[in-house]
């Protein structure tokens, strides 16, 4: 439940083989799988009304995520469960392939005021304001690279200014080097050196 952050359980299988496991019956929540003590906790959805109520036909596609001011944010993606607290820690919202690549996938924690409906999730617009500085995607990477380039250019400009104005902090000996005289290669020098 994205409104409360409550983890109700999981639905496994497809079609007539679809069954559910309540959150209380899960012993381990791992990155790739959940573990249960015994297969007996895997039951038909008809026996699990809370999970059946939340069930959505996968053929219907992903749920839309909208703000309470009517702005489409994207579609609901991966939901992450904290294995210690057994609560929803965050969920991802995809803006589509191109936006995900250029701007990154939006990751939101459950926030007060969220409506977790059967066909859509409605989040407070204020929840997005906290996500403005989200890192990810090409735009964020390009912005970081541009900032590094600006800093390097500023530093190089400062060094040039110091050098031109005579405030170069190099050792005085560096400025007193004698001019190099062209040398003719010696017979003992290897070819190309001189």
N, C-alpha and C. Protein backbone atom coordinates (compact mmCIF):
# COMPACT_ATOMS: atom_id res chain seq x y z
N UNK A 1 0.85 -1.18 0.00
CA UNK A 1 0.00 0.00 0.00
C UNK A 1 0.90 1.24 0.00
N UNK A 2 0.89 1.98 -1.11
CA UNK A 2 1.78 3.13 -1.25
C UNK A 2 1.30 4.33 -0.43
N UNK A 3 0.06 4.33 -0.01
CA UNK A 3 -0.44 5.43 0.80
C UNK A 3 0.09 5.33 2.23
N UNK A 4 0.10 4.13 2.77
CA UNK A 4 0.53 3.94 4.17
C UNK A 4 1.95 3.38 4.28
N UNK A 5 2.45 2.82 3.19
CA UNK A 5 3.76 2.16 3.24
C UNK A 5 3.67 0.75 3.78
N UNK A 6 2.46 0.29 4.04
CA UNK A 6 2.25 -1.05 4.60
C UNK A 6 2.49 -2.13 3.54
N UNK A 7 3.26 -3.14 3.87
CA UNK A 7 3.52 -4.27 2.99
C UNK A 7 2.51 -5.36 3.34
N UNK A 8 1.63 -5.69 2.39
CA UNK A 8 0.55 -6.64 2.63
C UNK A 8 0.95 -8.08 2.33
N UNK A 9 1.80 -8.28 1.33
CA UNK A 9 2.20 -9.62 0.93
C UNK A 9 2.55 -9.63 -0.55
N UNK A 10 2.72 -10.85 -1.09
CA UNK A 10 3.06 -10.98 -2.50
C UNK A 10 2.12 -11.96 -3.18
N UNK A 11 1.95 -11.73 -4.48
CA UNK A 11 1.17 -12.64 -5.31
C UNK A 11 2.14 -13.32 -6.25
N UNK A 12 2.07 -14.64 -6.33
CA UNK A 12 2.99 -15.42 -7.16
C UNK A 12 2.19 -16.26 -8.15
N UNK A 13 2.84 -16.64 -9.24
CA UNK A 13 2.20 -17.47 -10.24
C UNK A 13 1.38 -16.64 -11.21
N UNK A 14 0.80 -17.33 -12.20
CA UNK A 14 -0.01 -16.66 -13.21
C UNK A 14 -1.27 -17.47 -13.47
N UNK A 15 -2.30 -16.74 -13.87
CA UNK A 15 -3.55 -17.41 -14.25
C UNK A 15 -4.13 -18.24 -13.12
N UNK A 16 -4.55 -19.47 -13.45
CA UNK A 16 -5.18 -20.32 -12.42
C UNK A 16 -4.18 -20.78 -11.35
N UNK A 17 -2.88 -20.63 -11.64
CA UNK A 17 -1.86 -21.02 -10.65
C UNK A 17 -1.51 -19.87 -9.70
N UNK A 18 -2.17 -18.74 -9.86
CA UNK A 18 -1.86 -17.57 -9.04
C UNK A 18 -2.25 -17.81 -7.58
N UNK A 19 -1.30 -17.51 -6.69
CA UNK A 19 -1.52 -17.69 -5.25
C UNK A 19 -0.90 -16.51 -4.53
N UNK A 20 -1.12 -16.44 -3.23
CA UNK A 20 -0.59 -15.33 -2.46
C UNK A 20 0.08 -15.77 -1.18
N UNK A 21 0.92 -14.87 -0.67
CA UNK A 21 1.61 -15.10 0.61
C UNK A 21 1.45 -13.81 1.41
N UNK A 22 0.87 -13.89 2.59
CA UNK A 22 0.73 -12.71 3.44
C UNK A 22 2.09 -12.31 3.99
N UNK A 23 2.26 -11.03 4.25
CA UNK A 23 3.53 -10.49 4.74
C UNK A 23 3.99 -11.18 6.02
N UNK A 24 3.04 -11.51 6.92
CA UNK A 24 3.40 -12.16 8.20
C UNK A 24 4.03 -13.54 8.00
N UNK A 25 3.72 -14.19 6.88
CA UNK A 25 4.21 -15.53 6.62
C UNK A 25 5.57 -15.56 5.92
N UNK A 26 6.08 -14.41 5.55
CA UNK A 26 7.38 -14.34 4.86
C UNK A 26 8.48 -14.24 5.91
N UNK A 27 9.43 -15.16 5.84
CA UNK A 27 10.51 -15.16 6.83
C UNK A 27 11.69 -14.30 6.41
N UNK A 28 11.98 -14.22 5.10
CA UNK A 28 13.10 -13.43 4.60
C UNK A 28 12.66 -12.69 3.34
N UNK A 29 12.99 -11.40 3.32
CA UNK A 29 12.77 -10.61 2.10
C UNK A 29 14.14 -10.30 1.55
N UNK A 30 14.47 -10.94 0.43
CA UNK A 30 15.77 -10.74 -0.19
C UNK A 30 15.67 -9.84 -1.40
N UNK A 31 16.80 -9.57 -2.00
CA UNK A 31 16.85 -8.71 -3.18
C UNK A 31 16.11 -9.37 -4.35
N UNK A 32 16.28 -10.67 -4.50
CA UNK A 32 15.72 -11.37 -5.64
C UNK A 32 14.57 -12.32 -5.32
N UNK A 33 14.35 -12.60 -4.05
CA UNK A 33 13.32 -13.58 -3.70
C UNK A 33 12.86 -13.37 -2.26
N UNK A 34 11.68 -13.93 -1.97
CA UNK A 34 11.22 -13.99 -0.59
C UNK A 34 11.25 -15.45 -0.16
N UNK A 35 11.50 -15.67 1.10
CA UNK A 35 11.58 -17.03 1.63
C UNK A 35 10.46 -17.24 2.65
N UNK A 36 9.90 -18.45 2.64
CA UNK A 36 8.86 -18.81 3.60
C UNK A 36 9.29 -20.08 4.32
N UNK A 37 8.72 -20.27 5.50
CA UNK A 37 9.05 -21.43 6.32
C UNK A 37 8.57 -22.73 5.69
N UNK A 38 7.37 -22.70 5.13
CA UNK A 38 6.76 -23.89 4.55
C UNK A 38 5.86 -23.51 3.38
N UNK A 39 5.67 -24.43 2.47
CA UNK A 39 4.82 -24.16 1.30
C UNK A 39 3.35 -23.98 1.70
N UNK A 40 3.01 -24.38 2.91
CA UNK A 40 1.62 -24.30 3.36
C UNK A 40 1.12 -22.86 3.50
N UNK A 41 2.04 -21.89 3.58
CA UNK A 41 1.62 -20.49 3.71
C UNK A 41 1.24 -19.88 2.35
N UNK A 42 1.54 -20.59 1.28
CA UNK A 42 1.17 -20.14 -0.07
C UNK A 42 -0.26 -20.62 -0.31
N UNK A 43 -1.19 -19.64 -0.40
CA UNK A 43 -2.61 -20.00 -0.47
C UNK A 43 -3.29 -19.36 -1.67
N UNK A 44 -4.45 -19.89 -2.01
CA UNK A 44 -5.25 -19.31 -3.09
C UNK A 44 -5.67 -17.90 -2.68
N UNK A 45 -5.74 -17.02 -3.66
CA UNK A 45 -6.10 -15.63 -3.37
C UNK A 45 -7.49 -15.51 -2.75
N UNK A 46 -8.38 -16.47 -3.04
CA UNK A 46 -9.72 -16.43 -2.45
C UNK A 46 -9.66 -16.52 -0.92
N UNK A 47 -8.56 -17.07 -0.40
CA UNK A 47 -8.36 -17.19 1.05
C UNK A 47 -7.68 -15.96 1.64
N UNK A 48 -7.25 -15.03 0.76
CA UNK A 48 -6.51 -13.85 1.20
C UNK A 48 -7.20 -12.58 0.69
N UNK A 49 -8.31 -12.18 1.32
CA UNK A 49 -9.10 -11.07 0.80
C UNK A 49 -8.33 -9.75 0.67
N UNK A 50 -7.40 -9.46 1.59
CA UNK A 50 -6.65 -8.20 1.50
C UNK A 50 -5.77 -8.18 0.26
N UNK A 51 -5.14 -9.30 -0.08
CA UNK A 51 -4.33 -9.36 -1.29
C UNK A 51 -5.20 -9.38 -2.54
N UNK A 52 -6.32 -10.09 -2.47
CA UNK A 52 -7.23 -10.16 -3.62
C UNK A 52 -7.76 -8.76 -3.96
N UNK A 53 -8.03 -7.98 -2.93
CA UNK A 53 -8.52 -6.61 -3.13
C UNK A 53 -7.48 -5.75 -3.85
N UNK A 54 -6.21 -5.97 -3.58
CA UNK A 54 -5.13 -5.18 -4.19
C UNK A 54 -4.67 -5.73 -5.54
N UNK A 55 -5.07 -6.96 -5.86
CA UNK A 55 -4.63 -7.60 -7.08
C UNK A 55 -5.08 -6.82 -8.31
N UNK A 56 -4.18 -6.78 -9.25
CA UNK A 56 -4.46 -6.09 -10.52
C UNK A 56 -4.02 -7.01 -11.65
N UNK A 57 -4.83 -7.10 -12.69
CA UNK A 57 -4.49 -7.95 -13.82
C UNK A 57 -3.28 -7.35 -14.54
N UNK A 58 -2.18 -8.11 -14.66
CA UNK A 58 -0.98 -7.58 -15.30
C UNK A 58 -1.19 -7.15 -16.75
N UNK A 59 -2.22 -7.71 -17.41
CA UNK A 59 -2.51 -7.33 -18.80
C UNK A 59 -3.04 -5.90 -18.91
N UNK A 60 -3.46 -5.33 -17.79
CA UNK A 60 -3.97 -3.96 -17.79
C UNK A 60 -2.83 -2.94 -17.89
N UNK A 61 -1.60 -3.38 -17.77
CA UNK A 61 -0.46 -2.46 -17.85
C UNK A 61 -0.17 -1.82 -16.50
N UNK A 62 0.83 -0.97 -16.51
CA UNK A 62 1.25 -0.31 -15.28
C UNK A 62 0.26 0.77 -14.86
N UNK A 63 0.20 1.02 -13.56
CA UNK A 63 -0.69 2.07 -13.05
C UNK A 63 -0.08 3.44 -13.31
N UNK A 64 -0.91 4.39 -13.65
CA UNK A 64 -0.49 5.77 -13.86
C UNK A 64 -0.20 6.41 -12.50
N UNK A 65 0.80 7.30 -12.48
CA UNK A 65 1.09 8.09 -11.29
C UNK A 65 0.84 9.55 -11.67
N UNK A 66 -0.03 10.19 -10.89
CA UNK A 66 -0.43 11.58 -11.14
C UNK A 66 -0.23 12.40 -9.87
N UNK A 67 -0.14 13.72 -10.03
CA UNK A 67 -0.12 14.58 -8.85
C UNK A 67 -1.55 14.98 -8.51
N UNK A 68 -1.73 15.48 -7.31
CA UNK A 68 -3.06 15.93 -6.90
C UNK A 68 -3.48 17.20 -7.62
N UNK A 69 -2.55 17.79 -8.41
CA UNK A 69 -2.91 18.95 -9.22
C UNK A 69 -3.17 18.55 -10.67
N UNK A 70 -3.19 17.22 -10.95
CA UNK A 70 -3.57 16.73 -12.27
C UNK A 70 -2.44 16.56 -13.26
N UNK A 71 -1.19 16.59 -12.83
CA UNK A 71 -0.05 16.41 -13.73
C UNK A 71 0.34 14.94 -13.78
N UNK A 72 0.48 14.41 -15.01
CA UNK A 72 0.93 13.02 -15.18
C UNK A 72 2.42 12.96 -14.90
N UNK A 73 2.82 12.09 -13.97
CA UNK A 73 4.23 11.93 -13.61
C UNK A 73 4.84 10.77 -14.38
N UNK A 74 4.09 9.70 -14.56
CA UNK A 74 4.59 8.52 -15.27
C UNK A 74 3.82 7.29 -14.87
N UNK A 75 4.49 6.14 -14.94
CA UNK A 75 3.86 4.88 -14.57
C UNK A 75 4.63 4.25 -13.41
N UNK A 76 3.89 3.53 -12.59
CA UNK A 76 4.47 2.88 -11.42
C UNK A 76 5.43 1.78 -11.85
N UNK A 77 6.62 1.79 -11.28
CA UNK A 77 7.62 0.77 -11.58
C UNK A 77 7.86 -0.12 -10.38
N UNK A 78 9.10 -0.34 -10.06
CA UNK A 78 9.50 -1.22 -8.97
C UNK A 78 9.14 -0.63 -7.62
N UNK A 79 8.65 -1.49 -6.74
CA UNK A 79 8.34 -1.09 -5.36
C UNK A 79 9.35 -1.80 -4.46
N UNK A 80 10.02 -1.03 -3.60
CA UNK A 80 11.07 -1.58 -2.73
C UNK A 80 10.55 -1.71 -1.30
N UNK A 81 10.79 -2.88 -0.72
CA UNK A 81 10.37 -3.18 0.64
C UNK A 81 11.61 -3.25 1.52
N UNK A 82 11.59 -2.54 2.63
CA UNK A 82 12.69 -2.61 3.60
C UNK A 82 12.57 -3.94 4.33
N UNK A 83 13.58 -4.81 4.24
CA UNK A 83 13.46 -6.13 4.86
C UNK A 83 13.40 -6.08 6.39
N UNK A 84 13.93 -5.04 6.99
CA UNK A 84 13.90 -4.94 8.45
C UNK A 84 12.54 -4.48 8.97
N UNK A 85 12.03 -3.40 8.41
CA UNK A 85 10.77 -2.84 8.89
C UNK A 85 9.56 -3.46 8.21
N UNK A 86 9.80 -4.12 7.06
CA UNK A 86 8.73 -4.72 6.28
C UNK A 86 7.70 -3.69 5.84
N UNK A 87 8.23 -2.55 5.45
CA UNK A 87 7.38 -1.47 4.94
C UNK A 87 7.93 -1.04 3.59
N UNK A 88 7.09 -0.39 2.79
CA UNK A 88 7.53 0.15 1.51
C UNK A 88 8.51 1.28 1.82
N UNK A 89 9.74 1.16 1.30
CA UNK A 89 10.74 2.20 1.55
C UNK A 89 10.72 3.25 0.44
N UNK A 90 10.45 2.80 -0.78
CA UNK A 90 10.36 3.72 -1.92
C UNK A 90 9.75 2.98 -3.10
N UNK A 91 9.37 3.75 -4.10
CA UNK A 91 8.87 3.16 -5.35
C UNK A 91 9.33 4.03 -6.50
N UNK A 92 9.49 3.41 -7.65
CA UNK A 92 9.98 4.12 -8.82
C UNK A 92 8.83 4.49 -9.74
N UNK A 93 9.00 5.65 -10.38
CA UNK A 93 8.03 6.13 -11.36
C UNK A 93 8.78 6.35 -12.66
N UNK A 94 8.36 5.66 -13.71
CA UNK A 94 9.00 5.78 -15.02
C UNK A 94 8.25 6.81 -15.85
N UNK A 95 9.02 7.70 -16.45
CA UNK A 95 8.42 8.70 -17.34
C UNK A 95 8.46 8.26 -18.79
N UNK A 96 8.84 7.02 -19.03
CA UNK A 96 9.02 6.52 -20.39
C UNK A 96 10.50 6.34 -20.66
N UNK A 97 10.82 5.54 -21.65
CA UNK A 97 12.22 5.18 -21.92
C UNK A 97 13.10 6.41 -22.13
N UNK A 98 12.66 7.33 -22.98
CA UNK A 98 13.51 8.49 -23.28
C UNK A 98 13.73 9.35 -22.04
N UNK A 99 12.66 9.64 -21.30
CA UNK A 99 12.80 10.48 -20.10
C UNK A 99 13.63 9.77 -19.03
N UNK A 100 13.46 8.45 -18.92
CA UNK A 100 14.25 7.70 -17.94
C UNK A 100 15.73 7.79 -18.25
N UNK A 101 16.08 7.73 -19.55
CA UNK A 101 17.48 7.81 -19.96
C UNK A 101 18.02 9.22 -19.73
N UNK A 102 17.26 10.23 -20.13
CA UNK A 102 17.77 11.59 -20.05
C UNK A 102 17.67 12.20 -18.66
N UNK A 103 16.62 11.88 -17.92
CA UNK A 103 16.42 12.51 -16.63
C UNK A 103 16.53 11.55 -15.45
N UNK A 104 16.48 10.26 -15.72
CA UNK A 104 16.53 9.28 -14.65
C UNK A 104 15.13 8.88 -14.20
N UNK A 105 15.05 7.77 -13.53
CA UNK A 105 13.78 7.27 -13.00
C UNK A 105 13.54 7.96 -11.67
N UNK A 106 12.33 8.43 -11.47
CA UNK A 106 11.97 9.11 -10.23
C UNK A 106 11.78 8.07 -9.13
N UNK A 107 12.36 8.30 -7.98
CA UNK A 107 12.22 7.40 -6.85
C UNK A 107 11.59 8.16 -5.70
N UNK A 108 10.45 7.69 -5.23
CA UNK A 108 9.69 8.40 -4.19
C UNK A 108 9.47 7.52 -2.97
N UNK A 109 9.54 8.11 -1.79
CA UNK A 109 9.13 7.37 -0.59
C UNK A 109 7.61 7.49 -0.45
N UNK A 110 6.99 6.62 0.33
CA UNK A 110 5.56 6.81 0.59
C UNK A 110 5.38 8.14 1.33
N UNK A 111 4.46 8.95 0.88
CA UNK A 111 4.23 10.25 1.52
C UNK A 111 2.77 10.37 1.94
N UNK A 112 2.57 11.11 3.01
CA UNK A 112 1.23 11.34 3.51
C UNK A 112 0.42 12.07 2.44
N UNK A 113 -0.81 11.66 2.26
CA UNK A 113 -1.67 12.29 1.27
C UNK A 113 -1.72 11.53 -0.04
N UNK A 114 -0.96 10.44 -0.16
CA UNK A 114 -0.98 9.62 -1.37
C UNK A 114 -2.26 8.80 -1.41
N UNK A 115 -2.84 8.70 -2.59
CA UNK A 115 -4.02 7.85 -2.79
C UNK A 115 -3.58 6.70 -3.67
N UNK A 116 -3.63 5.48 -3.13
CA UNK A 116 -3.20 4.29 -3.86
C UNK A 116 -4.44 3.60 -4.40
N UNK A 117 -4.85 3.99 -5.61
CA UNK A 117 -6.06 3.44 -6.20
C UNK A 117 -5.80 2.21 -7.05
N UNK A 118 -6.88 1.61 -7.53
CA UNK A 118 -6.77 0.39 -8.33
C UNK A 118 -6.11 0.66 -9.69
N UNK A 119 -6.41 1.81 -10.31
CA UNK A 119 -5.87 2.12 -11.64
C UNK A 119 -4.78 3.18 -11.64
N UNK A 120 -4.68 3.94 -10.56
CA UNK A 120 -3.69 5.01 -10.52
C UNK A 120 -3.25 5.30 -9.10
N UNK A 121 -2.11 5.99 -9.02
CA UNK A 121 -1.58 6.45 -7.74
C UNK A 121 -1.54 7.96 -7.84
N UNK A 122 -2.14 8.63 -6.86
CA UNK A 122 -2.15 10.09 -6.85
C UNK A 122 -1.28 10.55 -5.69
N UNK A 123 -0.27 11.36 -6.03
CA UNK A 123 0.66 11.83 -5.00
C UNK A 123 0.54 13.34 -4.86
N UNK A 124 0.82 13.86 -3.66
CA UNK A 124 0.80 15.31 -3.50
C UNK A 124 1.89 15.95 -4.38
N UNK A 125 1.57 17.05 -5.04
CA UNK A 125 2.53 17.74 -5.91
C UNK A 125 3.77 18.16 -5.10
N UNK A 126 3.58 18.44 -3.82
CA UNK A 126 4.72 18.85 -2.97
C UNK A 126 5.76 17.74 -2.85
N UNK A 127 5.34 16.48 -3.03
CA UNK A 127 6.29 15.36 -2.95
C UNK A 127 7.32 15.44 -4.06
N UNK A 128 6.94 15.99 -5.21
CA UNK A 128 7.87 16.11 -6.33
C UNK A 128 8.87 17.23 -6.12
N UNK A 129 8.50 18.26 -5.38
CA UNK A 129 9.41 19.38 -5.14
C UNK A 129 10.67 18.93 -4.43
N UNK A 130 10.56 17.92 -3.60
CA UNK A 130 11.73 17.40 -2.88
C UNK A 130 12.62 16.56 -3.78
N UNK A 131 12.13 16.20 -4.96
CA UNK A 131 12.86 15.32 -5.87
C UNK A 131 13.55 16.08 -6.99
N UNK A 132 13.55 17.42 -6.96
CA UNK A 132 14.13 18.21 -8.04
C UNK A 132 15.59 17.90 -8.25
N UNK A 133 16.34 17.69 -7.18
CA UNK A 133 17.78 17.43 -7.30
C UNK A 133 18.13 15.96 -7.45
N UNK A 134 17.18 15.15 -7.86
CA UNK A 134 17.44 13.73 -7.99
C UNK A 134 18.55 13.49 -9.02
N UNK A 135 19.51 12.66 -8.64
CA UNK A 135 20.59 12.35 -9.57
C UNK A 135 20.21 11.13 -10.38
N UNK A 136 20.54 11.15 -11.63
CA UNK A 136 20.26 10.03 -12.50
C UNK A 136 19.97 10.51 -13.90
N UNK A 137 20.16 9.66 -14.86
CA UNK A 137 19.90 10.03 -16.23
C UNK A 137 21.02 10.87 -16.83
N UNK A 138 20.94 11.03 -18.13
CA UNK A 138 21.98 11.76 -18.85
C UNK A 138 22.01 13.24 -18.49
N UNK A 139 20.83 13.86 -18.29
CA UNK A 139 20.80 15.27 -17.96
C UNK A 139 21.58 15.54 -16.68
N UNK A 140 21.36 14.73 -15.66
CA UNK A 140 22.06 14.93 -14.39
C UNK A 140 23.55 14.70 -14.56
N UNK A 141 23.92 13.67 -15.33
CA UNK A 141 25.34 13.41 -15.56
C UNK A 141 25.99 14.54 -16.34
N UNK A 142 25.30 15.04 -17.37
CA UNK A 142 25.84 16.15 -18.15
C UNK A 142 25.95 17.41 -17.29
N UNK A 143 25.00 17.64 -16.41
CA UNK A 143 25.06 18.80 -15.53
C UNK A 143 26.27 18.69 -14.61
N UNK A 144 26.53 17.48 -14.08
CA UNK A 144 27.71 17.29 -13.22
C UNK A 144 29.00 17.50 -14.01
N UNK A 145 29.06 16.95 -15.24
CA UNK A 145 30.25 17.15 -16.07
C UNK A 145 30.45 18.61 -16.42
N UNK A 146 29.37 19.32 -16.72
CA UNK A 146 29.47 20.74 -17.05
C UNK A 146 30.00 21.52 -15.84
N UNK A 147 29.56 21.16 -14.65
CA UNK A 147 30.04 21.84 -13.44
C UNK A 147 31.53 21.59 -13.24
N UNK A 148 31.97 20.36 -13.47
CA UNK A 148 33.41 20.04 -13.36
C UNK A 148 34.19 20.84 -14.38
N UNK A 149 33.71 20.90 -15.62
CA UNK A 149 34.39 21.66 -16.69
C UNK A 149 34.45 23.14 -16.33
N UNK A 150 33.35 23.70 -15.79
CA UNK A 150 33.35 25.11 -15.39
C UNK A 150 34.39 25.36 -14.31
N UNK A 151 34.45 24.47 -13.32
CA UNK A 151 35.43 24.62 -12.24
C UNK A 151 36.85 24.54 -12.77
N UNK A 152 37.11 23.61 -13.68
CA UNK A 152 38.45 23.48 -14.24
C UNK A 152 38.81 24.70 -15.08
N UNK A 153 37.86 25.21 -15.85
CA UNK A 153 38.12 26.41 -16.66
C UNK A 153 38.37 27.62 -15.77
N UNK A 154 37.61 27.75 -14.70
CA UNK A 154 37.82 28.86 -13.77
C UNK A 154 39.21 28.77 -13.14
N UNK A 155 39.60 27.57 -12.74
CA UNK A 155 40.92 27.37 -12.14
C UNK A 155 42.02 27.68 -13.15
N UNK A 156 41.86 27.23 -14.39
CA UNK A 156 42.86 27.51 -15.44
C UNK A 156 42.94 29.01 -15.68
N UNK A 157 41.80 29.71 -15.70
CA UNK A 157 41.79 31.15 -15.89
C UNK A 157 42.51 31.87 -14.77
N UNK A 158 42.32 31.39 -13.55
CA UNK A 158 43.02 31.99 -12.41
C UNK A 158 44.53 31.80 -12.53
N UNK A 159 44.95 30.62 -12.97
CA UNK A 159 46.39 30.33 -13.15
C UNK A 159 46.98 31.23 -14.24
N UNK A 160 46.24 31.41 -15.33
CA UNK A 160 46.73 32.27 -16.41
C UNK A 160 46.84 33.70 -15.91
N UNK A 161 45.85 34.15 -15.17
CA UNK A 161 45.88 35.51 -14.62
C UNK A 161 47.06 35.70 -13.69
N UNK A 162 47.34 34.71 -12.84
CA UNK A 162 48.48 34.78 -11.94
C UNK A 162 49.79 34.86 -12.72
N UNK A 163 49.88 34.06 -13.77
CA UNK A 163 51.09 34.03 -14.58
C UNK A 163 51.30 35.36 -15.30
N UNK A 164 50.26 35.89 -15.90
CA UNK A 164 50.35 37.15 -16.66
C UNK A 164 50.65 38.32 -15.74
N UNK A 165 50.05 38.34 -14.56
CA UNK A 165 50.26 39.47 -13.66
C UNK A 165 51.54 39.33 -12.84
N UNK A 166 52.30 38.27 -13.05
CA UNK A 166 53.57 38.08 -12.36
C UNK A 166 53.41 37.51 -10.97
N UNK A 167 52.25 37.03 -10.65
CA UNK A 167 52.04 36.44 -9.34
C UNK A 167 52.14 34.93 -9.40
N UNK A 168 52.83 34.44 -10.37
CA UNK A 168 52.96 33.00 -10.52
C UNK A 168 53.68 32.46 -9.29
N UNK A 169 53.12 31.46 -8.69
CA UNK A 169 53.67 30.93 -7.46
C UNK A 169 54.71 29.85 -7.70
N UNK A 170 55.21 29.75 -8.93
CA UNK A 170 56.27 28.78 -9.19
C UNK A 170 57.55 29.30 -8.58
N UNK A 171 58.53 28.48 -8.47
CA UNK A 171 59.81 28.89 -7.87
C UNK A 171 60.49 29.92 -8.76
N UNK A 172 61.23 30.87 -8.16
CA UNK A 172 61.92 31.89 -8.94
C UNK A 172 62.91 31.29 -9.93
N UNK A 173 63.47 30.14 -9.61
CA UNK A 173 64.42 29.50 -10.51
C UNK A 173 63.76 29.14 -11.84
N UNK A 174 62.46 28.86 -11.81
CA UNK A 174 61.77 28.46 -13.03
C UNK A 174 61.77 29.60 -14.04
N UNK A 175 61.74 30.86 -13.54
CA UNK A 175 61.76 32.01 -14.44
C UNK A 175 63.16 32.37 -14.88
N UNK A 176 64.21 31.86 -14.20
CA UNK A 176 65.59 32.25 -14.50
C UNK A 176 66.33 31.20 -15.29
N UNK A 177 65.63 30.31 -15.92
CA UNK A 177 66.26 29.28 -16.75
C UNK A 177 66.90 29.97 -17.96
N UNK A 178 68.12 29.61 -18.32
CA UNK A 178 68.72 30.20 -19.51
C UNK A 178 68.00 29.70 -20.75
N UNK A 179 68.01 30.56 -21.77
CA UNK A 179 67.38 30.16 -23.02
C UNK A 179 68.14 28.97 -23.57
N UNK A 180 67.41 28.04 -24.10
CA UNK A 180 68.08 26.86 -24.63
C UNK A 180 68.72 27.20 -25.97
N UNK A 181 69.92 26.71 -26.13
CA UNK A 181 70.67 26.91 -27.36
C UNK A 181 70.46 25.69 -28.24
N UNK A 182 70.23 25.88 -29.53
CA UNK A 182 70.12 24.71 -30.38
C UNK A 182 71.43 23.95 -30.37
N UNK A 183 71.33 22.67 -30.23
CA UNK A 183 72.53 21.84 -30.18
C UNK A 183 72.60 21.00 -31.44
N UNK A 184 73.80 20.75 -31.83
CA UNK A 184 73.99 19.85 -32.95
C UNK A 184 74.20 18.47 -32.37
N UNK A 185 73.66 17.48 -32.98
CA UNK A 185 73.81 16.13 -32.42
C UNK A 185 75.28 15.71 -32.40
N UNK A 186 75.64 15.05 -31.33
CA UNK A 186 77.00 14.51 -31.21
C UNK A 186 77.01 13.16 -31.91
N UNK A 187 78.19 12.77 -32.25
CA UNK A 187 78.30 11.48 -32.95
C UNK A 187 77.92 10.33 -32.04
N UNK A 188 77.99 10.52 -30.73
CA UNK A 188 77.67 9.44 -29.79
C UNK A 188 76.20 9.40 -29.45
N UNK A 189 75.47 10.47 -29.78
CA UNK A 189 74.04 10.50 -29.47
C UNK A 189 73.28 9.56 -30.41
N UNK A 190 72.28 8.83 -29.90
CA UNK A 190 71.47 7.99 -30.79
C UNK A 190 70.70 8.86 -31.76
N UNK A 191 70.34 8.35 -32.92
CA UNK A 191 69.60 9.13 -33.92
C UNK A 191 68.29 9.67 -33.31
N UNK A 192 67.95 10.89 -33.68
CA UNK A 192 66.71 11.50 -33.21
C UNK A 192 66.84 12.24 -31.92
N UNK A 193 67.95 12.12 -31.20
CA UNK A 193 68.12 12.86 -29.94
C UNK A 193 69.12 13.95 -30.18
N UNK A 194 69.09 15.01 -29.47
CA UNK A 194 70.07 16.06 -29.70
C UNK A 194 69.96 17.19 -28.82
